[in-house]
Amino acid sequence: MSGDPVSWLVIEPGWSVTASDGSEAGKVHEVIGDSGKDIFNGLSISSGLLSAPRYVPAEQVGTITDGAVQLDLTPEQVERLGGYDEPPPSEEVRPDTTDL
């Protein structure tokens, strides 16, 4: 992996994800966090079209460079990652504007 490290805030779906040994672990499926509060929870990664996304906690994310993320996990540890279930959408109460 080459290039200067970048912030988690610039990670985009489709970026390459590698294990600690440099082997391919998949692609970024989703970035999980709150950019407004600069809280990075982790990544959802996908290793193929038919595979369910796996959750990588922020603590296991190593070096982030432009277009690539290297994990602090071996390929075997990546295989054992749990699935990622999207959290339910936040409930946001908005004033009813249909009567205006």
PDB file of N, CA and C in Angstrom:
ATOM      1  N   MET A   1       0.849  -1.167   0.000  1.00  0.00           N
ATOM      2  CA  MET A   1       0.000   0.000   0.000  1.00  0.00           C
ATOM      3  C   MET A   1       0.894   1.229   0.000  1.00  0.00           C
ATOM      4  N   SER A   2       0.573   2.166  -0.859  1.00  0.00           N
ATOM      5  CA  SER A   2       1.394   3.360  -0.922  1.00  0.00           C
ATOM      6  C   SER A   2       0.520   4.588  -0.792  1.00  0.00           C
ATOM      7  N   GLY A   3       1.170   5.705  -0.574  1.00  0.00           N
ATOM      8  CA  GLY A   3       0.431   6.944  -0.442  1.00  0.00           C
ATOM      9  C   GLY A   3       0.376   7.392   1.004  1.00  0.00           C
ATOM     10  N   ASP A   4      -0.001   8.641   1.176  1.00  0.00           N
ATOM     11  CA  ASP A   4      -0.100   9.208   2.507  1.00  0.00           C
ATOM     12  C   ASP A   4      -1.417   8.802   3.153  1.00  0.00           C
ATOM     13  N   PRO A   5      -1.387   8.588   4.478  1.00  0.00           N
ATOM     14  CA  PRO A   5      -2.631   8.272   5.185  1.00  0.00           C
ATOM     15  C   PRO A   5      -3.651   9.407   5.034  1.00  0.00           C
ATOM     16  N   VAL A   6      -4.928   9.034   4.980  1.00  0.00           N
ATOM     17  CA  VAL A   6      -6.012  10.000   4.892  1.00  0.00           C
ATOM     18  C   VAL A   6      -7.020   9.717   6.004  1.00  0.00           C
ATOM     19  N   SER A   7      -7.924  10.646   6.216  1.00  0.00           N
ATOM     20  CA  SER A   7      -8.946  10.532   7.251  1.00  0.00           C
ATOM     21  C   SER A   7     -10.023   9.518   6.865  1.00  0.00           C
ATOM     22  N   TRP A   8     -10.656   8.934   7.867  1.00  0.00           N
ATOM     23  CA  TRP A   8     -11.774   8.015   7.625  1.00  0.00           C
ATOM     24  C   TRP A   8     -12.923   8.729   6.915  1.00  0.00           C
ATOM     25  N   LEU A   9     -12.977  10.041   7.049  1.00  0.00           N
ATOM     26  CA  LEU A   9     -14.073  10.816   6.463  1.00  0.00           C
ATOM     27  C   LEU A   9     -14.083  10.774   4.931  1.00  0.00           C
ATOM     28  N   VAL A  10     -12.967  10.415   4.314  1.00  0.00           N
ATOM     29  CA  VAL A  10     -12.918  10.387   2.849  1.00  0.00           C
ATOM     30  C   VAL A  10     -13.099   8.983   2.268  1.00  0.00           C
ATOM     31  N   ILE A  11     -13.233   7.979   3.119  1.00  0.00           N
ATOM     32  CA  ILE A  11     -13.450   6.609   2.631  1.00  0.00           C
ATOM     33  C   ILE A  11     -14.775   6.560   1.868  1.00  0.00           C
ATOM     34  N   GLU A  12     -14.755   5.866   0.735  1.00  0.00           N
ATOM     35  CA  GLU A  12     -15.958   5.747  -0.085  1.00  0.00           C
ATOM     36  C   GLU A  12     -16.238   4.284  -0.404  1.00  0.00           C
ATOM     37  N   PRO A  13     -17.520   3.947  -0.606  1.00  0.00           N
ATOM     38  CA  PRO A  13     -17.854   2.589  -1.026  1.00  0.00           C
ATOM     39  C   PRO A  13     -17.078   2.221  -2.292  1.00  0.00           C
ATOM     40  N   GLY A  14     -16.620   0.981  -2.342  1.00  0.00           N
ATOM     41  CA  GLY A  14     -15.872   0.500  -3.492  1.00  0.00           C
ATOM     42  C   GLY A  14     -14.364   0.520  -3.298  1.00  0.00           C
ATOM     43  N   TRP A  15     -13.896   1.218  -2.237  1.00  0.00           N
ATOM     44  CA  TRP A  15     -12.453   1.223  -1.978  1.00  0.00           C
ATOM     45  C   TRP A  15     -11.985  -0.186  -1.655  1.00  0.00           C
ATOM     46  N   SER A  16     -10.768  -0.494  -2.026  1.00  0.00           N
ATOM     47  CA  SER A  16     -10.151  -1.786  -1.767  1.00  0.00           C
ATOM     48  C   SER A  16      -9.856  -1.951  -0.272  1.00  0.00           C
ATOM     49  N   VAL A  17     -10.102  -3.154   0.244  1.00  0.00           N
ATOM     50  CA  VAL A  17      -9.803  -3.474   1.641  1.00  0.00           C
ATOM     51  C   VAL A  17      -8.868  -4.676   1.652  1.00  0.00           C
ATOM     52  N   THR A  18      -7.746  -4.547   2.363  1.00  0.00           N
ATOM     53  CA  THR A  18      -6.789  -5.643   2.460  1.00  0.00           C
ATOM     54  C   THR A  18      -6.607  -6.065   3.913  1.00  0.00           C
ATOM     55  N   ALA A  19      -6.209  -7.325   4.075  1.00  0.00           N
ATOM     56  CA  ALA A  19      -5.879  -7.855   5.400  1.00  0.00           C
ATOM     57  C   ALA A  19      -4.478  -7.368   5.772  1.00  0.00           C
ATOM     58  N   SER A  20      -4.052  -7.675   6.995  1.00  0.00           N
ATOM     59  CA  SER A  20      -2.757  -7.199   7.484  1.00  0.00           C
ATOM     60  C   SER A  20      -1.582  -7.705   6.656  1.00  0.00           C
ATOM     61  N   ASP A  21      -1.748  -8.839   5.965  1.00  0.00           N
ATOM     62  CA  ASP A  21      -0.662  -9.379   5.137  1.00  0.00           C
ATOM     63  C   ASP A  21      -0.694  -8.836   3.708  1.00  0.00           C
ATOM     64  N   GLY A  22      -1.632  -7.930   3.418  1.00  0.00           N
ATOM     65  CA  GLY A  22      -1.728  -7.345   2.080  1.00  0.00           C
ATOM     66  C   GLY A  22      -2.660  -8.085   1.138  1.00  0.00           C
ATOM     67  N   SER A  23      -3.208  -9.210   1.586  1.00  0.00           N
ATOM     68  CA  SER A  23      -4.118  -9.959   0.716  1.00  0.00           C
ATOM     69  C   SER A  23      -5.482  -9.264   0.644  1.00  0.00           C
ATOM     70  N   GLU A  24      -6.168  -9.459  -0.470  1.00  0.00           N
ATOM     71  CA  GLU A  24      -7.469  -8.832  -0.709  1.00  0.00           C
ATOM     72  C   GLU A  24      -8.497  -9.349   0.299  1.00  0.00           C
ATOM     73  N   ALA A  25      -9.187  -8.417   0.992  1.00  0.00           N
ATOM     74  CA  ALA A  25     -10.218  -8.796   1.958  1.00  0.00           C
ATOM     75  C   ALA A  25     -11.610  -8.416   1.458  1.00  0.00           C
ATOM     76  N   GLY A  26     -11.677  -7.567   0.443  1.00  0.00           N
ATOM     77  CA  GLY A  26     -12.964  -7.152  -0.092  1.00  0.00           C
ATOM     78  C   GLY A  26     -12.963  -5.693  -0.471  1.00  0.00           C
ATOM     79  N   LYS A  27     -14.149  -5.135  -0.501  1.00  0.00           N
ATOM     80  CA  LYS A  27     -14.354  -3.731  -0.852  1.00  0.00           C
ATOM     81  C   LYS A  27     -15.198  -3.077   0.236  1.00  0.00           C
ATOM     82  N   VAL A  28     -15.005  -1.774   0.400  1.00  0.00           N
ATOM     83  CA  VAL A  28     -15.837  -1.036   1.345  1.00  0.00           C
ATOM     84  C   VAL A  28     -17.264  -1.046   0.827  1.00  0.00           C
ATOM     85  N   HIS A  29     -18.179  -1.474   1.666  1.00  0.00           N
ATOM     86  CA  HIS A  29     -19.600  -1.467   1.321  1.00  0.00           C
ATOM     87  C   HIS A  29     -20.250  -0.211   1.893  1.00  0.00           C
ATOM     88  N   GLU A  30     -19.893   0.110   3.145  1.00  0.00           N
ATOM     89  CA  GLU A  30     -20.466   1.278   3.814  1.00  0.00           C
ATOM     90  C   GLU A  30     -19.524   1.737   4.921  1.00  0.00           C
ATOM     91  N   VAL A  31     -19.458   3.038   5.137  1.00  0.00           N
ATOM     92  CA  VAL A  31     -18.697   3.621   6.241  1.00  0.00           C
ATOM     93  C   VAL A  31     -19.693   3.896   7.354  1.00  0.00           C
ATOM     94  N   ILE A  32     -19.378   3.419   8.574  1.00  0.00           N
ATOM     95  CA  ILE A  32     -20.291   3.567   9.691  1.00  0.00           C
ATOM     96  C   ILE A  32     -19.709   4.560  10.689  1.00  0.00           C
ATOM     97  N   GLY A  33     -20.419   5.639  10.902  1.00  0.00           N
ATOM     98  CA  GLY A  33     -19.959   6.657  11.834  1.00  0.00           C
ATOM     99  C   GLY A  33     -20.798   7.911  11.712  1.00  0.00           C
ATOM    100  N   ASP A  34     -20.416   8.912  12.474  1.00  0.00           N
ATOM    101  CA  ASP A  34     -21.109  10.195  12.463  1.00  0.00           C
ATOM    102  C   ASP A  34     -20.101  11.255  12.066  1.00  0.00           C
ATOM    103  N   SER A  35     -20.146  11.648  10.800  1.00  0.00           N
ATOM    104  CA  SER A  35     -19.158  12.609  10.306  1.00  0.00           C
ATOM    105  C   SER A  35     -19.305  13.969  10.986  1.00  0.00           C
ATOM    106  N   GLY A  36     -20.521  14.325  11.379  1.00  0.00           N
ATOM    107  CA  GLY A  36     -20.740  15.595  12.042  1.00  0.00           C
ATOM    108  C   GLY A  36     -20.042  15.691  13.391  1.00  0.00           C
ATOM    109  N   LYS A  37     -19.931  14.553  14.069  1.00  0.00           N
ATOM    110  CA  LYS A  37     -19.276  14.508  15.381  1.00  0.00           C
ATOM    111  C   LYS A  37     -17.893  13.869  15.295  1.00  0.00           C
ATOM    112  N   ASP A  38     -17.450  13.528  14.077  1.00  0.00           N
ATOM    113  CA  ASP A  38     -16.166  12.870  13.837  1.00  0.00           C
ATOM    114  C   ASP A  38     -16.016  11.596  14.673  1.00  0.00           C
ATOM    115  N   ILE A  39     -17.063  10.770  14.654  1.00  0.00           N
ATOM    116  CA  ILE A  39     -17.047   9.496  15.367  1.00  0.00           C
ATOM    117  C   ILE A  39     -17.050   8.385  14.328  1.00  0.00           C
ATOM    118  N   PHE A  40     -15.967   7.625  14.282  1.00  0.00           N
ATOM    119  CA  PHE A  40     -15.821   6.523  13.331  1.00  0.00           C
ATOM    120  C   PHE A  40     -16.094   5.221  14.065  1.00  0.00           C
ATOM    121  N   ASN A  41     -17.155   4.520  13.668  1.00  0.00           N
ATOM    122  CA  ASN A  41     -17.504   3.254  14.314  1.00  0.00           C
ATOM    123  C   ASN A  41     -16.894   2.052  13.622  1.00  0.00           C
ATOM    124  N   GLY A  42     -16.709   2.137  12.312  1.00  0.00           N
ATOM    125  CA  GLY A  42     -16.138   1.015  11.579  1.00  0.00           C
ATOM    126  C   GLY A  42     -16.572   1.002  10.128  1.00  0.00           C
ATOM    127  N   LEU A  43     -16.399  -0.166   9.517  1.00  0.00           N
ATOM    128  CA  LEU A  43     -16.724  -0.340   8.105  1.00  0.00           C
ATOM    129  C   LEU A  43     -17.569  -1.582   7.910  1.00  0.00           C
ATOM    130  N   SER A  44     -18.385  -1.533   6.906  1.00  0.00           N
ATOM    131  CA  SER A  44     -19.056  -2.714   6.400  1.00  0.00           C
ATOM    132  C   SER A  44     -18.305  -3.051   5.115  1.00  0.00           C
ATOM    133  N   ILE A  45     -17.780  -4.286   5.034  1.00  0.00           N
ATOM    134  CA  ILE A  45     -17.042  -4.678   3.828  1.00  0.00           C
ATOM    135  C   ILE A  45     -17.724  -5.868   3.172  1.00  0.00           C
ATOM    136  N   SER A  46     -17.580  -5.937   1.868  1.00  0.00           N
ATOM    137  CA  SER A  46     -18.170  -7.019   1.101  1.00  0.00           C
ATOM    138  C   SER A  46     -17.070  -7.698   0.300  1.00  0.00           C
ATOM    139  N   SER A  47     -17.070  -9.029   0.329  1.00  0.00           N
ATOM    140  CA  SER A  47     -16.025  -9.750  -0.399  1.00  0.00           C
ATOM    141  C   SER A  47     -16.519 -10.298  -1.734  1.00  0.00           C
ATOM    142  N   GLY A  48     -17.766 -10.029  -2.068  1.00  0.00           N
ATOM    143  CA  GLY A  48     -18.290 -10.485  -3.352  1.00  0.00           C
ATOM    144  C   GLY A  48     -19.747 -10.128  -3.502  1.00  0.00           C
ATOM    145  N   LEU A  49     -20.254 -10.258  -4.708  1.00  0.00           N
ATOM    146  CA  LEU A  49     -21.643  -9.888  -4.978  1.00  0.00           C
ATOM    147  C   LEU A  49     -22.646 -10.682  -4.160  1.00  0.00           C
ATOM    148  N   LEU A  50     -22.362 -11.942  -3.929  1.00  0.00           N
ATOM    149  CA  LEU A  50     -23.326 -12.796  -3.235  1.00  0.00           C
ATOM    150  C   LEU A  50     -23.042 -12.933  -1.743  1.00  0.00           C
ATOM    151  N   SER A  51     -21.966 -12.340  -1.269  1.00  0.00           N
ATOM    152  CA  SER A  51     -21.648 -12.475   0.153  1.00  0.00           C
ATOM    153  C   SER A  51     -22.263 -11.333   0.950  1.00  0.00           C
ATOM    154  N   ALA A  52     -22.684 -11.653   2.160  1.00  0.00           N
ATOM    155  CA  ALA A  52     -23.256 -10.632   3.041  1.00  0.00           C
ATOM    156  C   ALA A  52     -22.135  -9.736   3.562  1.00  0.00           C
ATOM    157  N   PRO A  53     -22.401  -8.447   3.712  1.00  0.00           N
ATOM    158  CA  PRO A  53     -21.384  -7.545   4.256  1.00  0.00           C
ATOM    159  C   PRO A  53     -20.962  -7.969   5.668  1.00  0.00           C
ATOM    160  N   ARG A  54     -19.689  -7.744   5.963  1.00  0.00           N
ATOM    161  CA  ARG A  54     -19.147  -8.040   7.292  1.00  0.00           C
ATOM    162  C   ARG A  54     -18.792  -6.730   7.975  1.00  0.00           C
ATOM    163  N   TYR A  55     -18.903  -6.725   9.301  1.00  0.00           N
ATOM    164  CA  TYR A  55     -18.618  -5.521  10.078  1.00  0.00           C
ATOM    165  C   TYR A  55     -17.192  -5.548  10.610  1.00  0.00           C
ATOM    166  N   VAL A  56     -16.450  -4.470  10.346  1.00  0.00           N
ATOM    167  CA  VAL A  56     -15.091  -4.301  10.866  1.00  0.00           C
ATOM    168  C   VAL A  56     -15.126  -3.132  11.849  1.00  0.00           C
ATOM    169  N   PRO A  57     -14.905  -3.393  13.159  1.00  0.00           N
ATOM    170  CA  PRO A  57     -14.885  -2.292  14.121  1.00  0.00           C
ATOM    171  C   PRO A  57     -13.731  -1.331  13.837  1.00  0.00           C
ATOM    172  N   ALA A  58     -13.913  -0.070  14.169  1.00  0.00           N
ATOM    173  CA  ALA A  58     -12.895   0.953  13.922  1.00  0.00           C
ATOM    174  C   ALA A  58     -11.543   0.566  14.496  1.00  0.00           C
ATOM    175  N   GLU A  59     -11.538  -0.121  15.622  1.00  0.00           N
ATOM    176  CA  GLU A  59     -10.277  -0.506  16.272  1.00  0.00           C
ATOM    177  C   GLU A  59      -9.447  -1.458  15.415  1.00  0.00           C
ATOM    178  N   GLN A  60     -10.088  -2.132  14.461  1.00  0.00           N
ATOM    179  CA  GLN A  60      -9.391  -3.097  13.605  1.00  0.00           C
ATOM    180  C   GLN A  60      -8.993  -2.506  12.254  1.00  0.00           C
ATOM    181  N   VAL A  61      -9.346  -1.236  12.026  1.00  0.00           N
ATOM    182  CA  VAL A  61      -8.977  -0.565  10.782  1.00  0.00           C
ATOM    183  C   VAL A  61      -7.592   0.034  10.973  1.00  0.00           C
ATOM    184  N   GLY A  62      -6.672  -0.348  10.104  1.00  0.00           N
ATOM    185  CA  GLY A  62      -5.297   0.133  10.209  1.00  0.00           C
ATOM    186  C   GLY A  62      -5.076   1.385   9.388  1.00  0.00           C
ATOM    187  N   THR A  63      -4.242   1.273   8.379  1.00  0.00           N
ATOM    188  CA  THR A  63      -3.867   2.410   7.547  1.00  0.00           C
ATOM    189  C   THR A  63      -4.926   2.686   6.485  1.00  0.00           C
ATOM    190  N   ILE A  64      -5.289   3.958   6.356  1.00  0.00           N
ATOM    191  CA  ILE A  64      -6.230   4.390   5.324  1.00  0.00           C
ATOM    192  C   ILE A  64      -5.460   5.301   4.377  1.00  0.00           C
ATOM    193  N   THR A  65      -5.372   4.892   3.116  1.00  0.00           N
ATOM    194  CA  THR A  65      -4.760   5.746   2.095  1.00  0.00           C
ATOM    195  C   THR A  65      -5.794   5.958   1.007  1.00  0.00           C
ATOM    196  N   ASP A  66      -5.541   6.880   0.090  1.00  0.00           N
ATOM    197  CA  ASP A  66      -6.515   7.206  -0.937  1.00  0.00           C
ATOM    198  C   ASP A  66      -6.885   5.969  -1.755  1.00  0.00           C
ATOM    199  N   GLY A  67      -8.121   5.528  -1.624  1.00  0.00           N
ATOM    200  CA  GLY A  67      -8.617   4.388  -2.394  1.00  0.00           C
ATOM    201  C   GLY A  67      -8.417   3.033  -1.754  1.00  0.00           C
ATOM    202  N   ALA A  68      -7.772   2.977  -0.589  1.00  0.00           N
ATOM    203  CA  ALA A  68      -7.492   1.677   0.017  1.00  0.00           C
ATOM    204  C   ALA A  68      -7.502   1.742   1.544  1.00  0.00           C
ATOM    205  N   VAL A  69      -7.953   0.649   2.147  1.00  0.00           N
ATOM    206  CA  VAL A  69      -7.977   0.514   3.601  1.00  0.00           C
ATOM    207  C   VAL A  69      -7.289  -0.796   3.958  1.00  0.00           C
ATOM    208  N   GLN A  70      -6.305  -0.723   4.866  1.00  0.00           N
ATOM    209  CA  GLN A  70      -5.654  -1.945   5.340  1.00  0.00           C
ATOM    210  C   GLN A  70      -6.120  -2.214   6.752  1.00  0.00           C
ATOM    211  N   LEU A  71      -6.561  -3.447   6.990  1.00  0.00           N
ATOM    212  CA  LEU A  71      -7.046  -3.838   8.306  1.00  0.00           C
ATOM    213  C   LEU A  71      -5.913  -4.383   9.164  1.00  0.00           C
ATOM    214  N   ASP A  72      -6.105  -4.332  10.473  1.00  0.00           N
ATOM    215  CA  ASP A  72      -5.172  -4.944  11.418  1.00  0.00           C
ATOM    216  C   ASP A  72      -5.641  -6.361  11.737  1.00  0.00           C
ATOM    217  N   LEU A  73      -6.089  -7.077  10.713  1.00  0.00           N
ATOM    218  CA  LEU A  73      -6.608  -8.434  10.861  1.00  0.00           C
ATOM    219  C   LEU A  73      -5.969  -9.350   9.832  1.00  0.00           C
ATOM    220  N   THR A  74      -5.737 -10.590  10.221  1.00  0.00           N
ATOM    221  CA  THR A  74      -5.234 -11.586   9.270  1.00  0.00           C
ATOM    222  C   THR A  74      -6.398 -12.011   8.363  1.00  0.00           C
ATOM    223  N   PRO A  75      -6.108 -12.654   7.231  1.00  0.00           N
ATOM    224  CA  PRO A  75      -7.205 -13.144   6.371  1.00  0.00           C
ATOM    225  C   PRO A  75      -8.169 -14.067   7.134  1.00  0.00           C
ATOM    226  N   GLU A  76      -7.633 -14.886   8.040  1.00  0.00           N
ATOM    227  CA  GLU A  76      -8.475 -15.799   8.821  1.00  0.00           C
ATOM    228  C   GLU A  76      -9.402 -15.013   9.750  1.00  0.00           C
ATOM    229  N   GLN A  77      -8.884 -13.941  10.354  1.00  0.00           N
ATOM    230  CA  GLN A  77      -9.712 -13.118  11.238  1.00  0.00           C
ATOM    231  C   GLN A  77     -10.792 -12.394  10.434  1.00  0.00           C
ATOM    232  N   VAL A  78     -10.461 -11.969   9.223  1.00  0.00           N
ATOM    233  CA  VAL A  78     -11.455 -11.314   8.362  1.00  0.00           C
ATOM    234  C   VAL A  78     -12.587 -12.285   8.067  1.00  0.00           C
ATOM    235  N   GLU A  79     -12.245 -13.540   7.790  1.00  0.00           N
ATOM    236  CA  GLU A  79     -13.262 -14.559   7.490  1.00  0.00           C
ATOM    237  C   GLU A  79     -14.205 -14.785   8.664  1.00  0.00           C
ATOM    238  N   ARG A  80     -13.713 -14.575   9.874  1.00  0.00           N
ATOM    239  CA  ARG A  80     -14.523 -14.813  11.078  1.00  0.00           C
ATOM    240  C   ARG A  80     -15.331 -13.589  11.525  1.00  0.00           C
ATOM    241  N   LEU A  81     -15.194 -12.472  10.817  1.00  0.00           N
ATOM    242  CA  LEU A  81     -15.956 -11.275  11.195  1.00  0.00           C
ATOM    243  C   LEU A  81     -17.451 -11.546  11.095  1.00  0.00           C
ATOM    244  N   GLY A  82     -18.183 -10.936  11.993  1.00  0.00           N
ATOM    245  CA  GLY A  82     -19.634 -11.091  11.981  1.00  0.00           C
ATOM    246  C   GLY A  82     -20.275 -10.281  10.871  1.00  0.00           C
ATOM    247  N   GLY A  83     -21.498 -10.630  10.561  1.00  0.00           N
ATOM    248  CA  GLY A  83     -22.239  -9.901   9.548  1.00  0.00           C
ATOM    249  C   GLY A  83     -22.604  -8.507  10.036  1.00  0.00           C
ATOM    250  N   TYR A  84     -22.903  -7.647   9.090  1.00  0.00           N
ATOM    251  CA  TYR A  84     -23.311  -6.293   9.441  1.00  0.00           C
ATOM    252  C   TYR A  84     -24.794  -6.134   9.200  1.00  0.00           C
ATOM    253  N   ASP A  85     -25.527  -5.888  10.278  1.00  0.00           N
ATOM    254  CA  ASP A  85     -26.954  -5.589  10.173  1.00  0.00           C
ATOM    255  C   ASP A  85     -27.099  -4.087  10.330  1.00  0.00           C
ATOM    256  N   GLU A  86     -27.683  -3.461   9.336  1.00  0.00           N
ATOM    257  CA  GLU A  86     -27.838  -2.007   9.403  1.00  0.00           C
ATOM    258  C   GLU A  86     -28.691  -1.641  10.602  1.00  0.00           C
ATOM    259  N   PRO A  87     -28.278  -0.587  11.311  1.00  0.00           N
ATOM    260  CA  PRO A  87     -29.104  -0.136  12.423  1.00  0.00           C
ATOM    261  C   PRO A  87     -30.418   0.424  11.881  1.00  0.00           C
ATOM    262  N   PRO A  88     -31.469   0.373  12.701  1.00  0.00           N
ATOM    263  CA  PRO A  88     -32.728   0.948  12.217  1.00  0.00           C
ATOM    264  C   PRO A  88     -32.556   2.443  11.989  1.00  0.00           C
ATOM    265  N   PRO A  89     -33.289   3.010  11.050  1.00  0.00           N
ATOM    266  CA  PRO A  89     -33.143   4.445  10.802  1.00  0.00           C
ATOM    267  C   PRO A  89     -33.497   5.233  12.063  1.00  0.00           C
ATOM    268  N   SER A  90     -32.795   6.319  12.269  1.00  0.00           N
ATOM    269  CA  SER A  90     -33.081   7.166  13.411  1.00  0.00           C
ATOM    270  C   SER A  90     -34.454   7.790  13.225  1.00  0.00           C
ATOM    271  N   GLU A  91     -35.159   7.867  14.309  1.00  0.00           N
ATOM    272  CA  GLU A  91     -36.462   8.506  14.230  1.00  0.00           C
ATOM    273  C   GLU A  91     -36.272   9.993  14.399  1.00  0.00           C
ATOM    274  N   GLU A  92     -36.751  10.736  13.442  1.00  0.00           N
ATOM    275  CA  GLU A  92     -36.604  12.182  13.490  1.00  0.00           C
ATOM    276  C   GLU A  92     -37.996  12.787  13.452  1.00  0.00           C
ATOM    277  N   VAL A  93     -38.303  13.565  14.467  1.00  0.00           N
ATOM    278  CA  VAL A  93     -39.614  14.184  14.534  1.00  0.00           C
ATOM    279  C   VAL A  93     -39.549  15.520  13.828  1.00  0.00           C
ATOM    280  N   ARG A  94     -40.395  15.666  12.813  1.00  0.00           N
ATOM    281  CA  ARG A  94     -40.432  16.918  12.059  1.00  0.00           C
ATOM    282  C   ARG A  94     -41.833  17.485  12.146  1.00  0.00           C
ATOM    283  N   PRO A  95     -41.939  18.784  12.113  1.00  0.00           N
ATOM    284  CA  PRO A  95     -43.282  19.367  12.123  1.00  0.00           C
ATOM    285  C   PRO A  95     -44.038  18.969  10.861  1.00  0.00           C
ATOM    286  N   ASP A  96     -45.313  18.763  11.008  1.00  0.00           N
ATOM    287  CA  ASP A  96     -46.151  18.390   9.877  1.00  0.00           C
ATOM    288  C   ASP A  96     -46.385  19.637   9.025  1.00  0.00           C
ATOM    289  N   THR A  97     -45.864  19.611   7.801  1.00  0.00           N
ATOM    290  CA  THR A  97     -45.992  20.789   6.936  1.00  0.00           C
ATOM    291  C   THR A  97     -47.021  20.570   5.836  1.00  0.00           C
ATOM    292  N   THR A  98     -47.770  19.476   5.899  1.00  0.00           N
ATOM    293  CA  THR A  98     -48.739  19.203   4.835  1.00  0.00           C
ATOM    294  C   THR A  98     -49.935  20.139   4.902  1.00  0.00           C
ATOM    295  N   ASP A  99     -50.185  20.786   6.050  1.00  0.00           N
ATOM    296  CA  ASP A  99     -51.328  21.667   6.188  1.00  0.00           C
ATOM    297  C   ASP A  99     -51.030  23.094   5.762  1.00  0.00           C
ATOM    298  N   LEU A 100     -49.799  23.382   5.364  1.00  0.00           N
ATOM    299  CA  LEU A 100     -49.440  24.760   5.020  1.00  0.00           C
ATOM    300  C   LEU A 100     -49.921  25.157   3.657  1.00  0.00           C
TER     301      LEU A 100
END
